[in-house]
Amino acid sequence: MEKIFVGQLEELAPRMGKEVIIGKQKIAVFRLSDNRVKAIENVCPHKQGPLAEGTVSGEYVFCPLHDYKINLNDGQVHEPDEGCVRAYETIVEEDRVYVMV
């Protein structure tokens, strides 16, 4: 795996998403209200909605197109809906945010 710098922690607004593109991968990076950072694939498995534009609540993001609830820890879609997206490990070192790809 490779550690990729995606920005400063202060550049990520709490409970908001930011899309980063690493190679051909679109990744949504989220800063939670407790300052933990999560990253998942930025494409909803339902209708390919941009998850970085979704609403964050706790450890979940809701797809802006059809409200699919997706866990930011493991990328699993909440029942009764189905599907998943890839979840990425994140590292914050001295306020620098990295995604492992």
N, C-alpha and C. Protein backbone atom coordinates (compact mmCIF):
# COMPACT_ATOMS: atom_id res chain seq x y z
N MET A 1 0.84 -1.19 0.00
CA MET A 1 0.00 0.00 0.00
C MET A 1 0.88 1.24 0.00
N GLU A 2 0.31 2.29 -0.54
CA GLU A 2 1.03 3.55 -0.63
C GLU A 2 0.29 4.62 0.17
N LYS A 3 1.03 5.43 0.91
CA LYS A 3 0.47 6.53 1.71
C LYS A 3 0.48 7.80 0.86
N ILE A 4 -0.73 8.31 0.56
CA ILE A 4 -0.88 9.48 -0.31
C ILE A 4 -1.39 10.67 0.49
N PHE A 5 -0.68 11.78 0.42
CA PHE A 5 -1.10 13.02 1.08
C PHE A 5 -2.30 13.59 0.33
N VAL A 6 -3.39 13.92 1.08
CA VAL A 6 -4.58 14.48 0.44
C VAL A 6 -4.96 15.86 0.96
N GLY A 7 -4.24 16.38 1.95
CA GLY A 7 -4.52 17.73 2.43
C GLY A 7 -4.28 17.89 3.92
N GLN A 8 -4.43 19.12 4.37
CA GLN A 8 -4.30 19.45 5.78
C GLN A 8 -5.64 19.20 6.47
N LEU A 9 -5.61 18.78 7.72
CA LEU A 9 -6.82 18.53 8.47
C LEU A 9 -7.72 19.77 8.49
N GLU A 10 -7.14 20.94 8.66
CA GLU A 10 -7.92 22.18 8.72
C GLU A 10 -8.64 22.49 7.41
N GLU A 11 -8.19 21.90 6.31
CA GLU A 11 -8.84 22.11 5.01
C GLU A 11 -10.13 21.29 4.87
N LEU A 12 -10.31 20.31 5.74
CA LEU A 12 -11.52 19.48 5.70
C LEU A 12 -12.53 20.04 6.69
N ALA A 13 -13.64 20.51 6.18
CA ALA A 13 -14.69 21.03 7.06
C ALA A 13 -15.33 19.87 7.80
N PRO A 14 -15.57 20.02 9.09
CA PRO A 14 -16.22 18.94 9.85
C PRO A 14 -17.57 18.55 9.23
N ARG A 15 -17.79 17.23 9.13
CA ARG A 15 -19.03 16.65 8.63
C ARG A 15 -19.33 17.00 7.18
N MET A 16 -18.28 17.31 6.43
CA MET A 16 -18.42 17.59 5.00
C MET A 16 -17.45 16.68 4.25
N GLY A 17 -17.78 16.37 3.02
CA GLY A 17 -16.91 15.53 2.22
C GLY A 17 -16.06 16.35 1.25
N LYS A 18 -14.97 15.74 0.83
CA LYS A 18 -14.10 16.34 -0.17
C LYS A 18 -13.67 15.22 -1.11
N GLU A 19 -13.83 15.43 -2.41
CA GLU A 19 -13.38 14.44 -3.37
C GLU A 19 -11.90 14.64 -3.68
N VAL A 20 -11.16 13.55 -3.66
CA VAL A 20 -9.78 13.56 -4.12
C VAL A 20 -9.66 12.47 -5.18
N ILE A 21 -8.82 12.71 -6.15
CA ILE A 21 -8.61 11.73 -7.20
C ILE A 21 -7.17 11.26 -7.12
N ILE A 22 -7.03 9.95 -6.94
CA ILE A 22 -5.70 9.33 -6.86
C ILE A 22 -5.63 8.33 -8.00
N GLY A 23 -4.82 8.64 -8.99
CA GLY A 23 -4.81 7.80 -10.19
C GLY A 23 -6.18 7.89 -10.85
N LYS A 24 -6.83 6.75 -11.00
CA LYS A 24 -8.18 6.72 -11.58
C LYS A 24 -9.25 6.54 -10.51
N GLN A 25 -8.85 6.56 -9.24
CA GLN A 25 -9.77 6.33 -8.14
C GLN A 25 -10.33 7.65 -7.61
N LYS A 26 -11.67 7.73 -7.56
CA LYS A 26 -12.34 8.87 -6.94
C LYS A 26 -12.62 8.48 -5.50
N ILE A 27 -12.09 9.26 -4.56
CA ILE A 27 -12.20 8.95 -3.14
C ILE A 27 -12.84 10.13 -2.42
N ALA A 28 -13.80 9.81 -1.55
CA ALA A 28 -14.45 10.83 -0.71
C ALA A 28 -13.79 10.79 0.66
N VAL A 29 -13.30 11.94 1.10
CA VAL A 29 -12.63 12.04 2.40
C VAL A 29 -13.52 12.89 3.31
N PHE A 30 -13.74 12.40 4.53
CA PHE A 30 -14.64 13.06 5.48
C PHE A 30 -13.94 13.29 6.81
N ARG A 31 -14.14 14.47 7.36
CA ARG A 31 -13.68 14.77 8.73
C ARG A 31 -14.91 14.72 9.62
N LEU A 32 -14.92 13.78 10.55
CA LEU A 32 -16.05 13.62 11.44
C LEU A 32 -16.03 14.70 12.52
N SER A 33 -17.12 14.82 13.26
CA SER A 33 -17.22 15.88 14.27
C SER A 33 -16.19 15.73 15.38
N ASP A 34 -15.65 14.51 15.58
CA ASP A 34 -14.60 14.31 16.60
C ASP A 34 -13.19 14.38 15.99
N ASN A 35 -13.09 14.89 14.77
CA ASN A 35 -11.84 15.10 14.02
C ASN A 35 -11.19 13.83 13.47
N ARG A 36 -11.84 12.67 13.62
CA ARG A 36 -11.34 11.50 12.92
C ARG A 36 -11.61 11.69 11.44
N VAL A 37 -10.78 11.08 10.61
CA VAL A 37 -10.92 11.21 9.16
C VAL A 37 -11.21 9.83 8.58
N LYS A 38 -12.21 9.78 7.71
CA LYS A 38 -12.60 8.54 7.03
C LYS A 38 -12.55 8.76 5.53
N ALA A 39 -12.33 7.67 4.78
CA ALA A 39 -12.29 7.77 3.33
C ALA A 39 -12.94 6.54 2.72
N ILE A 40 -13.79 6.78 1.72
CA ILE A 40 -14.45 5.70 1.00
C ILE A 40 -14.46 6.05 -0.49
N GLU A 41 -14.75 5.05 -1.29
CA GLU A 41 -14.94 5.27 -2.72
C GLU A 41 -16.04 6.32 -2.89
N ASN A 42 -15.87 7.22 -3.84
CA ASN A 42 -16.80 8.35 -3.99
C ASN A 42 -17.93 8.07 -4.98
N VAL A 43 -18.35 6.82 -5.10
CA VAL A 43 -19.42 6.49 -6.03
C VAL A 43 -20.40 5.55 -5.34
N CYS A 44 -21.63 6.00 -5.15
CA CYS A 44 -22.65 5.17 -4.51
C CYS A 44 -22.92 3.95 -5.38
N PRO A 45 -23.07 2.76 -4.76
CA PRO A 45 -23.31 1.56 -5.55
C PRO A 45 -24.70 1.52 -6.19
N HIS A 46 -25.61 2.39 -5.78
CA HIS A 46 -26.97 2.37 -6.30
C HIS A 46 -27.05 3.05 -7.66
N LYS A 47 -26.85 4.35 -7.71
CA LYS A 47 -26.95 5.11 -8.97
C LYS A 47 -25.73 5.98 -9.20
N GLN A 48 -24.60 5.59 -8.63
CA GLN A 48 -23.31 6.26 -8.79
C GLN A 48 -23.30 7.71 -8.34
N GLY A 49 -24.08 8.02 -7.31
CA GLY A 49 -24.10 9.37 -6.75
C GLY A 49 -22.76 9.73 -6.12
N PRO A 50 -22.40 11.02 -6.12
CA PRO A 50 -21.14 11.49 -5.54
C PRO A 50 -21.23 11.56 -4.01
N LEU A 51 -20.69 10.58 -3.33
CA LEU A 51 -20.84 10.50 -1.87
C LEU A 51 -20.20 11.67 -1.15
N ALA A 52 -19.18 12.30 -1.71
CA ALA A 52 -18.55 13.46 -1.07
C ALA A 52 -19.54 14.61 -0.91
N GLU A 53 -20.62 14.60 -1.68
CA GLU A 53 -21.63 15.65 -1.60
C GLU A 53 -22.78 15.27 -0.67
N GLY A 54 -22.68 14.10 -0.03
CA GLY A 54 -23.74 13.62 0.84
C GLY A 54 -23.71 14.25 2.22
N THR A 55 -24.75 13.96 2.98
CA THR A 55 -24.89 14.45 4.35
C THR A 55 -24.23 13.46 5.30
N VAL A 56 -23.39 13.95 6.20
CA VAL A 56 -22.70 13.11 7.17
C VAL A 56 -23.44 13.19 8.50
N SER A 57 -23.68 12.01 9.07
CA SER A 57 -24.31 11.92 10.39
C SER A 57 -23.59 10.82 11.16
N GLY A 58 -22.89 11.21 12.21
CA GLY A 58 -22.11 10.23 12.97
C GLY A 58 -21.05 9.61 12.09
N GLU A 59 -21.10 8.29 11.95
CA GLU A 59 -20.13 7.56 11.13
C GLU A 59 -20.74 7.08 9.82
N TYR A 60 -21.76 7.81 9.34
CA TYR A 60 -22.45 7.46 8.11
C TYR A 60 -22.51 8.66 7.17
N VAL A 61 -22.59 8.36 5.87
CA VAL A 61 -22.87 9.38 4.87
C VAL A 61 -24.12 8.93 4.12
N PHE A 62 -24.98 9.88 3.80
CA PHE A 62 -26.19 9.61 3.04
C PHE A 62 -25.99 10.10 1.62
N CYS A 63 -26.17 9.20 0.66
CA CYS A 63 -25.99 9.57 -0.75
C CYS A 63 -26.92 10.72 -1.10
N PRO A 64 -26.41 11.73 -1.81
CA PRO A 64 -27.24 12.88 -2.14
C PRO A 64 -28.34 12.57 -3.17
N LEU A 65 -28.26 11.44 -3.87
CA LEU A 65 -29.28 11.13 -4.88
C LEU A 65 -30.50 10.43 -4.31
N HIS A 66 -30.28 9.35 -3.55
CA HIS A 66 -31.41 8.55 -3.08
C HIS A 66 -31.31 8.18 -1.61
N ASP A 67 -30.46 8.87 -0.86
CA ASP A 67 -30.37 8.70 0.60
C ASP A 67 -29.88 7.34 1.07
N TYR A 68 -29.15 6.61 0.25
CA TYR A 68 -28.54 5.37 0.75
C TYR A 68 -27.63 5.73 1.91
N LYS A 69 -27.71 4.98 2.99
CA LYS A 69 -26.91 5.22 4.20
C LYS A 69 -25.70 4.30 4.16
N ILE A 70 -24.51 4.89 4.14
CA ILE A 70 -23.28 4.12 3.98
C ILE A 70 -22.35 4.34 5.17
N ASN A 71 -21.89 3.24 5.74
CA ASN A 71 -20.99 3.28 6.89
C ASN A 71 -19.61 3.74 6.44
N LEU A 72 -19.08 4.77 7.09
CA LEU A 72 -17.78 5.31 6.71
C LEU A 72 -16.62 4.45 7.20
N ASN A 73 -16.88 3.50 8.09
CA ASN A 73 -15.81 2.62 8.58
C ASN A 73 -15.52 1.47 7.64
N ASP A 74 -16.59 0.87 7.09
CA ASP A 74 -16.37 -0.31 6.26
C ASP A 74 -16.99 -0.23 4.87
N GLY A 75 -17.69 0.86 4.56
CA GLY A 75 -18.27 1.03 3.23
C GLY A 75 -19.57 0.28 2.99
N GLN A 76 -20.12 -0.37 4.02
CA GLN A 76 -21.34 -1.15 3.86
C GLN A 76 -22.57 -0.25 3.81
N VAL A 77 -23.48 -0.58 2.89
CA VAL A 77 -24.75 0.11 2.81
C VAL A 77 -25.66 -0.43 3.91
N HIS A 78 -26.35 0.47 4.59
CA HIS A 78 -27.24 0.10 5.70
C HIS A 78 -28.51 -0.55 5.15
N GLU A 79 -28.96 -1.61 5.82
CA GLU A 79 -30.20 -2.29 5.42
C GLU A 79 -31.39 -1.36 5.57
N PRO A 80 -32.42 -1.47 4.79
CA PRO A 80 -32.74 -2.59 3.92
C PRO A 80 -32.09 -2.52 2.55
N ASP A 81 -31.35 -1.43 2.26
CA ASP A 81 -30.67 -1.32 0.98
C ASP A 81 -29.46 -2.25 0.99
N GLU A 82 -28.89 -2.49 -0.19
CA GLU A 82 -27.78 -3.42 -0.31
C GLU A 82 -26.63 -2.78 -1.07
N GLY A 83 -25.43 -3.32 -0.83
CA GLY A 83 -24.25 -2.89 -1.57
C GLY A 83 -23.15 -2.44 -0.64
N CYS A 84 -22.05 -2.07 -1.24
CA CYS A 84 -20.93 -1.54 -0.46
C CYS A 84 -20.00 -0.77 -1.39
N VAL A 85 -19.17 0.05 -0.79
CA VAL A 85 -18.11 0.76 -1.50
C VAL A 85 -16.81 0.45 -0.78
N ARG A 86 -15.73 0.69 -1.44
CA ARG A 86 -14.44 0.42 -0.83
C ARG A 86 -14.14 1.47 0.23
N ALA A 87 -13.66 1.01 1.38
CA ALA A 87 -13.23 1.91 2.46
C ALA A 87 -11.70 1.93 2.46
N TYR A 88 -11.13 3.08 2.73
CA TYR A 88 -9.68 3.26 2.74
C TYR A 88 -9.20 3.63 4.13
N GLU A 89 -8.06 3.12 4.49
CA GLU A 89 -7.43 3.52 5.75
C GLU A 89 -6.93 4.95 5.61
N THR A 90 -7.09 5.73 6.68
CA THR A 90 -6.57 7.10 6.70
C THR A 90 -5.60 7.25 7.86
N ILE A 91 -4.67 8.18 7.69
CA ILE A 91 -3.69 8.48 8.72
C ILE A 91 -3.61 10.00 8.84
N VAL A 92 -3.61 10.50 10.07
CA VAL A 92 -3.39 11.92 10.30
C VAL A 92 -2.12 12.05 11.13
N GLU A 93 -1.13 12.72 10.55
CA GLU A 93 0.15 12.95 11.22
C GLU A 93 0.45 14.44 11.17
N GLU A 94 0.57 15.06 12.33
CA GLU A 94 0.87 16.49 12.42
C GLU A 94 -0.06 17.31 11.53
N ASP A 95 -1.36 17.00 11.61
CA ASP A 95 -2.41 17.69 10.87
C ASP A 95 -2.35 17.48 9.35
N ARG A 96 -1.55 16.54 8.90
CA ARG A 96 -1.51 16.17 7.49
C ARG A 96 -2.32 14.89 7.32
N VAL A 97 -3.20 14.88 6.35
CA VAL A 97 -4.10 13.75 6.12
C VAL A 97 -3.58 12.91 4.96
N TYR A 98 -3.53 11.60 5.19
CA TYR A 98 -3.08 10.65 4.18
C TYR A 98 -4.13 9.57 3.99
N VAL A 99 -4.22 9.06 2.76
CA VAL A 99 -5.07 7.90 2.45
C VAL A 99 -4.14 6.80 1.97
N MET A 100 -4.40 5.60 2.46
CA MET A 100 -3.62 4.43 2.04
C MET A 100 -4.30 3.80 0.84
N VAL A 101 -3.59 3.72 -0.27
CA VAL A 101 -4.14 3.10 -1.49
C VAL A 101 -3.20 2.00 -1.99
